[in-house]
Amino acid sequence: MKQEFTPKELQKMEQQRRKKRNVKDFINKDYIDEKGDAIVDVVINDRSQLFSPYSNKMLLKNEIFTYLDTIADPIPNIYPLVINFIVTDLSTINQEYVKEALKRYYWFSYKAMESKLKRDFIFIFVYFILGLLLIIGFNLINFNELGINSTWQSVIESVITIFVWVIVWESISQLIIGRKEKKDEMLNEKQMALAEIKFYESLSDADTKVN
């Protein structure tokens, strides 16, 4: 499993950090420690809150991922992420298993987003080529030889023009707007997958270790 961000991803993360200056004070106040790490605490009162009771494979509960996504998403990816699991009795859980399960979930999610982004780019390219071919085809076809009068030619031209504009605009919006949002989501998932995961029996223990 890849264990670091690429130079391009680091550059993009730095750009995001600069754009999020309005959020920076809030983030620094509530999440960033003295070493510059983003700290997220997950308090587990007992083992049943960590694993799904409906599976024999010890799957982590979806609520854990939902909570982490909600808390960690606003944190700029430039900050190293540390997830502290606060469990009353650490002897009741396999810490290494929880680490691997969490990292595996977010790494697979990241790779799935990466694959989808590549497929989306192919579709964007296909849409653009299709629109181009329709424009060229319309101008090459001699509708008079086909027995189509000028009125119907105007109707066909209007329909093709609208259709081409729709698919071209869809391509542009996906390439410029949608693609950026998806890349941001990908970096969020990668930040989670590369997070350092620690375990403590109380919040005071976690604070003591940090300080």
N, C-alpha and C. Protein backbone atom coordinates (compact mmCIF):
# COMPACT_ATOMS: atom_id res chain seq x y z
N MET A 1 0.84 -1.20 0.00
CA MET A 1 0.00 0.00 0.00
C MET A 1 0.87 1.24 0.00
N LYS A 2 0.55 2.21 -0.84
CA LYS A 2 1.34 3.44 -0.94
C LYS A 2 1.27 4.20 0.38
N GLN A 3 2.41 4.72 0.84
CA GLN A 3 2.47 5.30 2.17
C GLN A 3 2.79 6.79 2.19
N GLU A 4 2.76 7.47 1.06
CA GLU A 4 3.06 8.90 1.07
C GLU A 4 2.35 9.60 -0.08
N PHE A 5 2.24 10.92 0.05
CA PHE A 5 1.63 11.73 -1.00
C PHE A 5 2.66 12.03 -2.09
N THR A 6 2.19 12.12 -3.33
CA THR A 6 3.07 12.47 -4.44
C THR A 6 3.34 13.98 -4.41
N PRO A 7 4.40 14.45 -5.09
CA PRO A 7 4.68 15.91 -5.13
C PRO A 7 3.50 16.72 -5.67
N LYS A 8 2.80 16.20 -6.67
CA LYS A 8 1.64 16.91 -7.22
C LYS A 8 0.54 17.03 -6.19
N GLU A 9 0.30 15.94 -5.44
CA GLU A 9 -0.73 15.96 -4.41
C GLU A 9 -0.35 16.93 -3.29
N LEU A 10 0.92 16.96 -2.92
CA LEU A 10 1.37 17.89 -1.89
C LEU A 10 1.19 19.33 -2.34
N GLN A 11 1.46 19.60 -3.64
CA GLN A 11 1.28 20.94 -4.18
C GLN A 11 -0.20 21.33 -4.15
N LYS A 12 -1.06 20.40 -4.52
CA LYS A 12 -2.50 20.68 -4.51
C LYS A 12 -2.99 20.92 -3.08
N MET A 13 -2.48 20.13 -2.13
CA MET A 13 -2.87 20.29 -0.74
C MET A 13 -2.44 21.65 -0.20
N GLU A 14 -1.26 22.13 -0.60
CA GLU A 14 -0.80 23.44 -0.17
C GLU A 14 -1.69 24.54 -0.74
N GLN A 15 -2.12 24.37 -1.99
CA GLN A 15 -3.03 25.34 -2.59
C GLN A 15 -4.36 25.37 -1.85
N GLN A 16 -4.85 24.19 -1.46
CA GLN A 16 -6.10 24.12 -0.70
C GLN A 16 -5.95 24.80 0.65
N ARG A 17 -4.78 24.59 1.29
CA ARG A 17 -4.56 25.20 2.60
C ARG A 17 -4.62 26.73 2.52
N ARG A 18 -4.05 27.28 1.44
CA ARG A 18 -4.06 28.72 1.29
C ARG A 18 -5.47 29.25 1.05
N LYS A 19 -6.28 28.47 0.33
CA LYS A 19 -7.64 28.91 0.03
C LYS A 19 -8.54 28.81 1.25
N LYS A 20 -8.14 28.02 2.23
CA LYS A 20 -8.99 27.79 3.40
C LYS A 20 -8.56 28.63 4.60
N ARG A 21 -8.01 29.79 4.34
CA ARG A 21 -7.53 30.62 5.44
C ARG A 21 -8.66 31.04 6.36
N ASN A 22 -9.87 31.19 5.83
CA ASN A 22 -11.01 31.57 6.67
C ASN A 22 -11.34 30.48 7.68
N VAL A 23 -11.02 29.24 7.34
CA VAL A 23 -11.31 28.12 8.22
C VAL A 23 -10.13 27.84 9.15
N LYS A 24 -8.97 28.40 8.80
CA LYS A 24 -7.72 28.02 9.46
C LYS A 24 -7.76 28.28 10.97
N ASP A 25 -8.26 29.47 11.37
CA ASP A 25 -8.28 29.80 12.79
C ASP A 25 -9.11 28.79 13.59
N PHE A 26 -10.26 28.42 13.03
CA PHE A 26 -11.13 27.44 13.68
C PHE A 26 -10.43 26.09 13.79
N ILE A 27 -9.78 25.67 12.69
CA ILE A 27 -9.10 24.38 12.67
C ILE A 27 -7.96 24.37 13.68
N ASN A 28 -7.15 25.44 13.68
CA ASN A 28 -6.01 25.51 14.59
C ASN A 28 -6.45 25.48 16.05
N LYS A 29 -7.54 26.14 16.34
CA LYS A 29 -8.02 26.24 17.71
C LYS A 29 -8.52 24.90 18.23
N ASP A 30 -9.20 24.13 17.38
CA ASP A 30 -9.90 22.94 17.85
C ASP A 30 -9.21 21.62 17.53
N TYR A 31 -8.31 21.60 16.53
CA TYR A 31 -7.79 20.31 16.10
C TYR A 31 -6.26 20.22 16.05
N ILE A 32 -5.56 21.30 15.79
CA ILE A 32 -4.13 21.24 15.54
C ILE A 32 -3.35 21.33 16.86
N ASP A 33 -2.45 20.37 17.08
CA ASP A 33 -1.65 20.39 18.30
C ASP A 33 -0.38 21.19 18.09
N GLU A 34 0.47 21.20 19.11
CA GLU A 34 1.68 22.02 19.06
C GLU A 34 2.66 21.55 17.98
N LYS A 35 2.60 20.28 17.60
CA LYS A 35 3.51 19.74 16.59
C LYS A 35 2.97 19.95 15.17
N GLY A 36 1.76 20.50 15.05
CA GLY A 36 1.19 20.72 13.73
C GLY A 36 0.40 19.56 13.20
N ASP A 37 0.07 18.60 14.07
CA ASP A 37 -0.76 17.46 13.66
C ASP A 37 -2.23 17.76 13.93
N ALA A 38 -3.10 17.26 13.06
CA ALA A 38 -4.53 17.38 13.28
C ALA A 38 -4.99 16.19 14.11
N ILE A 39 -5.57 16.46 15.27
CA ILE A 39 -5.96 15.40 16.20
C ILE A 39 -7.47 15.21 16.18
N VAL A 40 -7.90 13.97 15.96
CA VAL A 40 -9.32 13.64 16.00
C VAL A 40 -9.50 12.52 17.02
N ASP A 41 -10.34 12.77 18.03
CA ASP A 41 -10.59 11.77 19.07
C ASP A 41 -11.89 11.01 18.78
N VAL A 42 -11.81 9.70 18.93
CA VAL A 42 -12.99 8.84 18.76
C VAL A 42 -13.19 8.10 20.07
N VAL A 43 -14.21 8.48 20.81
CA VAL A 43 -14.45 7.90 22.13
C VAL A 43 -15.35 6.68 21.99
N ILE A 44 -14.84 5.52 22.44
CA ILE A 44 -15.58 4.26 22.40
C ILE A 44 -15.81 3.79 23.82
N ASN A 45 -17.06 3.76 24.26
CA ASN A 45 -17.35 3.35 25.63
C ASN A 45 -17.17 1.85 25.85
N ASP A 46 -17.51 1.08 24.83
CA ASP A 46 -17.28 -0.36 24.93
C ASP A 46 -17.10 -0.94 23.53
N ARG A 47 -16.70 -2.18 23.46
CA ARG A 47 -16.37 -2.84 22.20
C ARG A 47 -17.53 -2.87 21.21
N SER A 48 -18.76 -2.92 21.73
CA SER A 48 -19.95 -3.01 20.86
C SER A 48 -20.14 -1.77 20.02
N GLN A 49 -19.55 -0.64 20.44
CA GLN A 49 -19.66 0.59 19.66
C GLN A 49 -18.64 0.65 18.53
N LEU A 50 -17.72 -0.29 18.52
CA LEU A 50 -16.66 -0.28 17.52
C LEU A 50 -16.95 -1.23 16.37
N PHE A 51 -17.46 -2.41 16.69
CA PHE A 51 -17.69 -3.43 15.66
C PHE A 51 -19.18 -3.65 15.42
N SER A 52 -19.50 -3.99 14.17
CA SER A 52 -20.88 -4.25 13.80
C SER A 52 -21.36 -5.56 14.43
N PRO A 53 -22.52 -5.56 15.09
CA PRO A 53 -23.02 -6.79 15.72
C PRO A 53 -23.64 -7.75 14.71
N TYR A 54 -23.78 -7.30 13.46
CA TYR A 54 -24.45 -8.12 12.45
C TYR A 54 -23.47 -8.88 11.56
N SER A 55 -22.19 -8.88 11.93
CA SER A 55 -21.20 -9.56 11.11
C SER A 55 -20.26 -10.37 11.99
N ASN A 56 -19.94 -11.57 11.51
CA ASN A 56 -18.98 -12.41 12.22
C ASN A 56 -17.54 -12.06 11.85
N LYS A 57 -17.36 -11.13 10.92
CA LYS A 57 -16.02 -10.79 10.42
C LYS A 57 -15.42 -9.57 11.14
N MET A 58 -16.05 -9.15 12.22
CA MET A 58 -15.54 -8.01 13.01
C MET A 58 -15.35 -6.77 12.14
N LEU A 59 -16.39 -6.40 11.42
CA LEU A 59 -16.34 -5.19 10.60
C LEU A 59 -16.58 -3.97 11.46
N LEU A 60 -15.83 -2.91 11.19
CA LEU A 60 -16.04 -1.67 11.93
C LEU A 60 -17.40 -1.09 11.58
N LYS A 61 -18.04 -0.48 12.55
CA LYS A 61 -19.37 0.09 12.33
C LYS A 61 -19.29 1.26 11.34
N ASN A 62 -20.32 1.39 10.53
CA ASN A 62 -20.39 2.52 9.59
C ASN A 62 -20.41 3.85 10.32
N GLU A 63 -20.95 3.85 11.55
CA GLU A 63 -21.01 5.09 12.31
C GLU A 63 -19.61 5.64 12.60
N ILE A 64 -18.63 4.75 12.72
CA ILE A 64 -17.25 5.18 12.95
C ILE A 64 -16.74 5.98 11.76
N PHE A 65 -16.98 5.44 10.56
CA PHE A 65 -16.52 6.11 9.35
C PHE A 65 -17.27 7.42 9.12
N THR A 66 -18.58 7.40 9.39
CA THR A 66 -19.38 8.62 9.23
C THR A 66 -18.89 9.72 10.16
N TYR A 67 -18.60 9.35 11.38
CA TYR A 67 -18.10 10.33 12.35
C TYR A 67 -16.75 10.89 11.91
N LEU A 68 -15.84 10.01 11.49
CA LEU A 68 -14.51 10.46 11.06
C LEU A 68 -14.60 11.37 9.83
N ASP A 69 -15.46 10.99 8.89
CA ASP A 69 -15.63 11.82 7.69
C ASP A 69 -16.15 13.21 8.04
N THR A 70 -17.12 13.25 8.96
CA THR A 70 -17.72 14.52 9.36
C THR A 70 -16.71 15.44 10.04
N ILE A 71 -15.89 14.85 10.92
CA ILE A 71 -14.94 15.64 11.68
C ILE A 71 -13.71 16.01 10.85
N ALA A 72 -13.20 15.05 10.08
CA ALA A 72 -11.91 15.25 9.41
C ALA A 72 -12.00 15.97 8.07
N ASP A 73 -13.14 15.93 7.39
CA ASP A 73 -13.24 16.53 6.06
C ASP A 73 -12.89 18.03 6.04
N PRO A 74 -13.29 18.82 7.06
CA PRO A 74 -12.94 20.25 6.99
C PRO A 74 -11.45 20.52 7.21
N ILE A 75 -10.71 19.54 7.72
CA ILE A 75 -9.29 19.75 8.02
C ILE A 75 -8.49 19.70 6.73
N PRO A 76 -7.76 20.76 6.39
CA PRO A 76 -6.96 20.76 5.15
C PRO A 76 -6.01 19.58 5.12
N ASN A 77 -5.82 19.02 3.93
CA ASN A 77 -5.02 17.81 3.79
C ASN A 77 -3.53 18.03 4.06
N ILE A 78 -3.12 19.28 4.15
CA ILE A 78 -1.70 19.58 4.39
C ILE A 78 -1.29 19.15 5.79
N TYR A 79 -2.26 19.00 6.71
CA TYR A 79 -1.95 18.61 8.08
C TYR A 79 -1.90 17.09 8.22
N PRO A 80 -0.83 16.55 8.81
CA PRO A 80 -0.83 15.12 9.13
C PRO A 80 -1.96 14.81 10.12
N LEU A 81 -2.67 13.72 9.89
CA LEU A 81 -3.83 13.39 10.71
C LEU A 81 -3.49 12.31 11.72
N VAL A 82 -3.90 12.53 12.96
CA VAL A 82 -3.74 11.54 14.03
C VAL A 82 -5.13 11.22 14.58
N ILE A 83 -5.50 9.95 14.56
CA ILE A 83 -6.80 9.51 15.09
C ILE A 83 -6.57 8.80 16.40
N ASN A 84 -7.13 9.34 17.47
CA ASN A 84 -7.02 8.74 18.80
C ASN A 84 -8.29 7.98 19.13
N PHE A 85 -8.19 6.67 19.28
CA PHE A 85 -9.31 5.89 19.76
C PHE A 85 -9.24 5.83 21.28
N ILE A 86 -10.28 6.31 21.92
CA ILE A 86 -10.35 6.30 23.38
C ILE A 86 -11.24 5.13 23.80
N VAL A 87 -10.63 4.07 24.31
CA VAL A 87 -11.35 2.85 24.68
C VAL A 87 -11.11 2.56 26.16
N THR A 88 -12.17 2.38 26.91
CA THR A 88 -12.05 2.21 28.36
C THR A 88 -11.14 1.05 28.73
N ASP A 89 -11.32 -0.08 28.07
CA ASP A 89 -10.49 -1.26 28.34
C ASP A 89 -9.82 -1.70 27.04
N LEU A 90 -8.57 -1.33 26.85
CA LEU A 90 -7.86 -1.63 25.61
C LEU A 90 -7.65 -3.12 25.41
N SER A 91 -7.69 -3.90 26.48
CA SER A 91 -7.45 -5.34 26.36
C SER A 91 -8.57 -6.06 25.63
N THR A 92 -9.71 -5.38 25.42
CA THR A 92 -10.85 -6.02 24.77
C THR A 92 -10.80 -5.94 23.25
N ILE A 93 -9.83 -5.19 22.71
CA ILE A 93 -9.78 -5.05 21.26
C ILE A 93 -8.38 -5.37 20.73
N ASN A 94 -8.33 -5.76 19.49
CA ASN A 94 -7.07 -5.99 18.79
C ASN A 94 -6.71 -4.68 18.07
N GLN A 95 -5.75 -3.96 18.62
CA GLN A 95 -5.44 -2.64 18.10
C GLN A 95 -4.93 -2.69 16.66
N GLU A 96 -4.08 -3.66 16.35
CA GLU A 96 -3.53 -3.77 15.00
C GLU A 96 -4.64 -4.07 13.99
N TYR A 97 -5.60 -4.89 14.41
CA TYR A 97 -6.71 -5.22 13.51
C TYR A 97 -7.53 -3.97 13.19
N VAL A 98 -7.81 -3.16 14.22
CA VAL A 98 -8.58 -1.94 14.02
C VAL A 98 -7.83 -0.99 13.09
N LYS A 99 -6.52 -0.84 13.30
CA LYS A 99 -5.71 0.02 12.44
C LYS A 99 -5.80 -0.41 10.98
N GLU A 100 -5.59 -1.71 10.75
CA GLU A 100 -5.59 -2.22 9.39
C GLU A 100 -6.98 -2.09 8.75
N ALA A 101 -8.02 -2.35 9.53
CA ALA A 101 -9.39 -2.26 9.01
C ALA A 101 -9.72 -0.83 8.59
N LEU A 102 -9.29 0.13 9.42
CA LEU A 102 -9.58 1.53 9.12
C LEU A 102 -8.79 2.00 7.90
N LYS A 103 -7.50 1.70 7.89
CA LYS A 103 -6.66 2.12 6.77
C LYS A 103 -7.09 1.45 5.46
N ARG A 104 -7.45 0.16 5.56
CA ARG A 104 -7.87 -0.57 4.37
C ARG A 104 -9.15 0.04 3.79
N TYR A 105 -10.09 0.39 4.64
CA TYR A 105 -11.36 0.98 4.19
C TYR A 105 -11.10 2.27 3.41
N TYR A 106 -10.29 3.16 3.97
CA TYR A 106 -10.06 4.44 3.31
C TYR A 106 -9.13 4.32 2.10
N TRP A 107 -8.20 3.37 2.16
CA TRP A 107 -7.33 3.18 1.00
C TRP A 107 -8.11 2.63 -0.19
N PHE A 108 -8.99 1.66 0.05
CA PHE A 108 -9.83 1.11 -1.03
C PHE A 108 -10.76 2.19 -1.57
N SER A 109 -11.28 3.02 -0.67
CA SER A 109 -12.16 4.12 -1.09
C SER A 109 -11.39 5.09 -1.97
N TYR A 110 -10.17 5.40 -1.59
CA TYR A 110 -9.32 6.30 -2.38
C TYR A 110 -9.04 5.72 -3.76
N LYS A 111 -8.67 4.44 -3.83
CA LYS A 111 -8.36 3.80 -5.11
C LYS A 111 -9.60 3.71 -5.99
N ALA A 112 -10.77 3.48 -5.38
CA ALA A 112 -12.02 3.43 -6.16
C ALA A 112 -12.32 4.79 -6.76
N MET A 113 -12.11 5.86 -5.99
CA MET A 113 -12.32 7.22 -6.51
C MET A 113 -11.34 7.52 -7.63
N GLU A 114 -10.10 7.06 -7.47
CA GLU A 114 -9.08 7.28 -8.49
C GLU A 114 -9.47 6.60 -9.80
N SER A 115 -9.97 5.36 -9.71
CA SER A 115 -10.39 4.62 -10.91
C SER A 115 -11.58 5.30 -11.57
N LYS A 116 -12.52 5.77 -10.75
CA LYS A 116 -13.71 6.44 -11.29
C LYS A 116 -13.33 7.74 -11.98
N LEU A 117 -12.35 8.43 -11.43
CA LEU A 117 -11.90 9.68 -12.04
C LEU A 117 -11.31 9.42 -13.42
N LYS A 118 -10.58 8.32 -13.56
CA LYS A 118 -10.02 7.96 -14.86
C LYS A 118 -11.12 7.61 -15.85
N ARG A 119 -12.13 6.87 -15.39
CA ARG A 119 -13.25 6.52 -16.28
C ARG A 119 -14.02 7.77 -16.70
N ASP A 120 -14.20 8.69 -15.75
CA ASP A 120 -14.90 9.93 -16.06
C ASP A 120 -14.17 10.73 -17.13
N PHE A 121 -12.85 10.72 -17.07
CA PHE A 121 -12.06 11.45 -18.07
C PHE A 121 -12.27 10.85 -19.46
N ILE A 122 -12.38 9.53 -19.52
CA ILE A 122 -12.63 8.86 -20.81
C ILE A 122 -13.99 9.27 -21.35
N PHE A 123 -15.01 9.29 -20.46
CA PHE A 123 -16.36 9.69 -20.89
C PHE A 123 -16.37 11.15 -21.37
N ILE A 124 -15.64 12.01 -20.66
CA ILE A 124 -15.55 13.42 -21.07
C ILE A 124 -14.96 13.52 -22.47
N PHE A 125 -13.91 12.76 -22.72
CA PHE A 125 -13.28 12.77 -24.04
C PHE A 125 -14.25 12.26 -25.11
N VAL A 126 -14.99 11.20 -24.78
CA VAL A 126 -15.95 10.64 -25.73
C VAL A 126 -17.06 11.66 -26.04
N TYR A 127 -17.57 12.34 -24.99
CA TYR A 127 -18.60 13.36 -25.20
C TYR A 127 -18.11 14.46 -26.13
N PHE A 128 -16.89 14.90 -25.89
CA PHE A 128 -16.33 15.98 -26.70
C PHE A 128 -16.20 15.56 -28.16
N ILE A 129 -15.67 14.34 -28.40
CA ILE A 129 -15.52 13.84 -29.76
C ILE A 129 -16.87 13.68 -30.44
N LEU A 130 -17.86 13.17 -29.68
CA LEU A 130 -19.20 13.00 -30.23
C LEU A 130 -19.79 14.33 -30.67
N GLY A 131 -19.63 15.35 -29.82
CA GLY A 131 -20.13 16.68 -30.18
C GLY A 131 -19.44 17.21 -31.42
N LEU A 132 -18.13 17.01 -31.51
CA LEU A 132 -17.37 17.47 -32.67
C LEU A 132 -17.81 16.75 -33.94
N LEU A 133 -18.03 15.44 -33.85
CA LEU A 133 -18.46 14.66 -35.02
C LEU A 133 -19.86 15.08 -35.49
N LEU A 134 -20.72 15.39 -34.54
CA LEU A 134 -22.07 15.83 -34.92
C LEU A 134 -22.01 17.15 -35.68
N ILE A 135 -21.18 18.08 -35.23
CA ILE A 135 -21.05 19.36 -35.92
C ILE A 135 -20.49 19.16 -37.33
N ILE A 136 -19.43 18.35 -37.43
CA ILE A 136 -18.83 18.09 -38.73
C ILE A 136 -19.81 17.37 -39.65
N GLY A 137 -20.49 16.36 -39.11
CA GLY A 137 -21.43 15.58 -39.91
C GLY A 137 -22.57 16.43 -40.44
N PHE A 138 -23.09 17.32 -39.60
CA PHE A 138 -24.20 18.17 -40.03
C PHE A 138 -23.78 19.06 -41.19
N ASN A 139 -22.55 19.56 -41.14
CA ASN A 139 -22.09 20.46 -42.19
C ASN A 139 -21.68 19.73 -43.46
N LEU A 140 -21.42 18.43 -43.38
CA LEU A 140 -21.03 17.66 -44.56
C LEU A 140 -22.22 17.07 -45.29
N ILE A 141 -23.31 16.84 -44.56
CA ILE A 141 -24.48 16.20 -45.18
C ILE A 141 -25.23 17.21 -46.06
N ASN A 142 -25.57 16.78 -47.24
CA ASN A 142 -26.37 17.60 -48.15
C ASN A 142 -27.83 17.19 -47.97
N PHE A 143 -28.56 17.98 -47.18
CA PHE A 143 -29.95 17.63 -46.86
C PHE A 143 -30.87 17.77 -48.07
N ASN A 144 -30.49 18.62 -49.03
CA ASN A 144 -31.32 18.79 -50.22
C ASN A 144 -31.36 17.50 -51.04
N GLU A 145 -30.20 16.83 -51.12
CA GLU A 145 -30.15 15.56 -51.84
C GLU A 145 -30.98 14.48 -51.15
N LEU A 146 -31.14 14.63 -49.85
CA LEU A 146 -31.95 13.66 -49.10
C LEU A 146 -33.44 14.01 -49.14
N GLY A 147 -33.76 15.10 -49.79
CA GLY A 147 -35.17 15.50 -49.90
C GLY A 147 -35.71 16.19 -48.68
N ILE A 148 -34.84 16.72 -47.85
CA ILE A 148 -35.28 17.41 -46.62
C ILE A 148 -35.30 18.91 -46.91
N ASN A 149 -36.47 19.51 -46.73
CA ASN A 149 -36.60 20.93 -47.05
C ASN A 149 -35.94 21.80 -45.98
N SER A 150 -35.89 23.09 -46.26
CA SER A 150 -35.17 24.03 -45.40
C SER A 150 -35.78 24.14 -44.00
N THR A 151 -37.11 23.97 -43.92
CA THR A 151 -37.76 24.05 -42.60
C THR A 151 -37.26 22.94 -41.69
N TRP A 152 -37.27 21.72 -42.22
CA TRP A 152 -36.81 20.58 -41.43
C TRP A 152 -35.31 20.67 -41.18
N GLN A 153 -34.58 21.24 -42.11
CA GLN A 153 -33.15 21.44 -41.89
C GLN A 153 -32.90 22.34 -40.69
N SER A 154 -33.72 23.39 -40.59
CA SER A 154 -33.59 24.32 -39.46
C SER A 154 -33.92 23.61 -38.13
N VAL A 155 -34.96 22.76 -38.19
CA VAL A 155 -35.34 22.01 -36.98
C VAL A 155 -34.21 21.07 -36.56
N ILE A 156 -33.68 20.33 -37.52
CA ILE A 156 -32.58 19.39 -37.24
C ILE A 156 -31.35 20.14 -36.72
N GLU A 157 -31.06 21.28 -37.33
CA GLU A 157 -29.91 22.08 -36.90
C GLU A 157 -30.08 22.55 -35.46
N SER A 158 -31.31 22.98 -35.11
CA SER A 158 -31.57 23.45 -33.75
C SER A 158 -31.41 22.32 -32.74
N VAL A 159 -31.96 21.15 -33.10
CA VAL A 159 -31.86 19.99 -32.20
C VAL A 159 -30.40 19.59 -31.99
N ILE A 160 -29.65 19.52 -33.08
CA ILE A 160 -28.24 19.13 -33.00
C ILE A 160 -27.44 20.16 -32.21
N THR A 161 -27.74 21.44 -32.46
CA THR A 161 -27.03 22.51 -31.73
C THR A 161 -27.26 22.40 -30.23
N ILE A 162 -28.53 22.19 -29.85
CA ILE A 162 -28.85 22.05 -28.42
C ILE A 162 -28.16 20.83 -27.83
N PHE A 163 -28.23 19.71 -28.55
CA PHE A 163 -27.62 18.47 -28.08
C PHE A 163 -26.11 18.62 -27.92
N VAL A 164 -25.48 19.24 -28.91
CA VAL A 164 -24.02 19.43 -28.85
C VAL A 164 -23.65 20.33 -27.68
N TRP A 165 -24.40 21.42 -27.49
CA TRP A 165 -24.09 22.32 -26.39
C TRP A 165 -24.24 21.62 -25.05
N VAL A 166 -25.24 20.76 -24.94
CA VAL A 166 -25.47 20.03 -23.68
C VAL A 166 -24.29 19.12 -23.36
N ILE A 167 -23.87 18.30 -24.34
CA ILE A 167 -22.79 17.35 -24.06
C ILE A 167 -21.44 18.05 -23.92
N VAL A 168 -21.25 19.15 -24.68
CA VAL A 168 -19.99 19.90 -24.54
C VAL A 168 -19.94 20.58 -23.18
N TRP A 169 -21.06 21.18 -22.76
CA TRP A 169 -21.09 21.83 -21.45
C TRP A 169 -20.92 20.80 -20.33
N GLU A 170 -21.54 19.64 -20.49
CA GLU A 170 -21.38 18.58 -19.51
C GLU A 170 -19.92 18.17 -19.40
N SER A 171 -19.25 18.07 -20.54
CA SER A 171 -17.83 17.71 -20.55
C SER A 171 -16.99 18.76 -19.84
N ILE A 172 -17.25 20.03 -20.16
CA ILE A 172 -16.47 21.11 -19.57
C ILE A 172 -16.71 21.20 -18.06
N SER A 173 -17.99 21.10 -17.65
CA SER A 173 -18.30 21.21 -16.22
C SER A 173 -17.70 20.06 -15.43
N GLN A 174 -17.73 18.85 -16.00
CA GLN A 174 -17.13 17.70 -15.33
C GLN A 174 -15.61 17.84 -15.26
N LEU A 175 -15.03 18.39 -16.32
CA LEU A 175 -13.57 18.51 -16.37
C LEU A 175 -13.06 19.60 -15.43
N ILE A 176 -13.79 20.72 -15.35
CA ILE A 176 -13.31 21.85 -14.57
C ILE A 176 -13.86 21.84 -13.15
N ILE A 177 -15.18 21.65 -13.03
CA ILE A 177 -15.82 21.76 -11.71
C ILE A 177 -15.88 20.41 -11.00
N GLY A 178 -16.54 19.45 -11.64
CA GLY A 178 -16.73 18.15 -11.00
C GLY A 178 -15.43 17.44 -10.69
N ARG A 179 -14.45 17.55 -11.60
CA ARG A 179 -13.17 16.86 -11.41
C ARG A 179 -12.41 17.41 -10.21
N LYS A 180 -12.46 18.71 -10.00
CA LYS A 180 -11.78 19.32 -8.87
C LYS A 180 -12.37 18.82 -7.55
N GLU A 181 -13.70 18.79 -7.48
CA GLU A 181 -14.36 18.32 -6.26
C GLU A 181 -14.00 16.86 -5.96
N LYS A 182 -13.96 16.05 -7.01
CA LYS A 182 -13.63 14.64 -6.82
C LYS A 182 -12.18 14.45 -6.39
N LYS A 183 -11.28 15.29 -6.92
CA LYS A 183 -9.88 15.22 -6.50
C LYS A 183 -9.74 15.60 -5.03
N ASP A 184 -10.51 16.61 -4.61
CA ASP A 184 -10.47 17.01 -3.21
C ASP A 184 -10.96 15.86 -2.31
N GLU A 185 -12.02 15.18 -2.74
CA GLU A 185 -12.54 14.05 -1.98
C GLU A 185 -11.51 12.92 -1.92
N MET A 186 -10.80 12.71 -3.03
CA MET A 186 -9.77 11.69 -3.07
C MET A 186 -8.67 11.98 -2.06
N LEU A 187 -8.23 13.23 -2.00
CA LEU A 187 -7.17 13.60 -1.07
C LEU A 187 -7.64 13.45 0.37
N ASN A 188 -8.92 13.71 0.63
CA ASN A 188 -9.47 13.49 1.96
C ASN A 188 -9.39 12.02 2.35
N GLU A 189 -9.76 11.16 1.42
CA GLU A 189 -9.71 9.72 1.69
C GLU A 189 -8.26 9.26 1.90
N LYS A 190 -7.34 9.82 1.12
CA LYS A 190 -5.94 9.43 1.27
C LYS A 190 -5.38 9.93 2.59
N GLN A 191 -5.79 11.12 2.99
CA GLN A 191 -5.36 11.64 4.29
C GLN A 191 -5.80 10.69 5.41
N MET A 192 -7.02 10.17 5.30
CA MET A 192 -7.52 9.23 6.31
C MET A 192 -6.74 7.92 6.26
N ALA A 193 -6.43 7.44 5.05
CA ALA A 193 -5.72 6.17 4.90
C ALA A 193 -4.30 6.25 5.45
N LEU A 194 -3.69 7.43 5.40
CA LEU A 194 -2.32 7.60 5.87
C LEU A 194 -2.26 8.11 7.30
N ALA A 195 -3.41 8.22 7.95
CA ALA A 195 -3.45 8.76 9.31
C ALA A 195 -2.71 7.84 10.29
N GLU A 196 -2.13 8.46 11.30
CA GLU A 196 -1.53 7.71 12.40
C GLU A 196 -2.63 7.40 13.40
N ILE A 197 -2.75 6.15 13.79
CA ILE A 197 -3.83 5.72 14.68
C ILE A 197 -3.24 5.30 16.02
N LYS A 198 -3.78 5.89 17.09
CA LYS A 198 -3.31 5.60 18.44
C LYS A 198 -4.48 5.18 19.32
N PHE A 199 -4.15 4.53 20.43
CA PHE A 199 -5.18 4.05 21.35
C PHE A 199 -4.84 4.49 22.77
N TYR A 200 -5.87 4.98 23.46
CA TYR A 200 -5.72 5.40 24.85
C TYR A 200 -6.95 4.94 25.63
N GLU A 201 -6.79 4.88 26.95
CA GLU A 201 -7.92 4.46 27.78
C GLU A 201 -8.75 5.65 28.27
N SER A 202 -8.22 6.85 28.08
CA SER A 202 -8.97 8.04 28.46
C SER A 202 -8.45 9.25 27.69
N LEU A 203 -9.28 10.28 27.61
CA LEU A 203 -8.86 11.50 26.93
C LEU A 203 -7.70 12.17 27.65
N SER A 204 -7.67 12.06 28.97
CA SER A 204 -6.58 12.65 29.73
C SER A 204 -5.25 11.97 29.40
N ASP A 205 -5.29 10.65 29.16
CA ASP A 205 -4.08 9.94 28.75
C ASP A 205 -3.58 10.45 27.40
N ALA A 206 -4.51 10.67 26.48
CA ALA A 206 -4.15 11.18 25.16
C ALA A 206 -3.55 12.57 25.26
N ASP A 207 -4.15 13.43 26.09
CA ASP A 207 -3.64 14.79 26.26
C ASP A 207 -2.26 14.78 26.90
N THR A 208 -2.05 13.85 27.83
CA THR A 208 -0.76 13.76 28.51
C THR A 208 0.34 13.36 27.53
N LYS A 209 0.02 12.40 26.65
CA LYS A 209 1.00 11.94 25.65
C LYS A 209 1.36 13.05 24.69
N VAL A 210 0.35 13.84 24.28
CA VAL A 210 0.58 14.95 23.35
C VAL A 210 1.48 16.00 23.97
N ASN A 211 1.18 16.31 25.23
CA ASN A 211 1.92 17.36 25.92
C ASN A 211 3.23 16.84 26.50
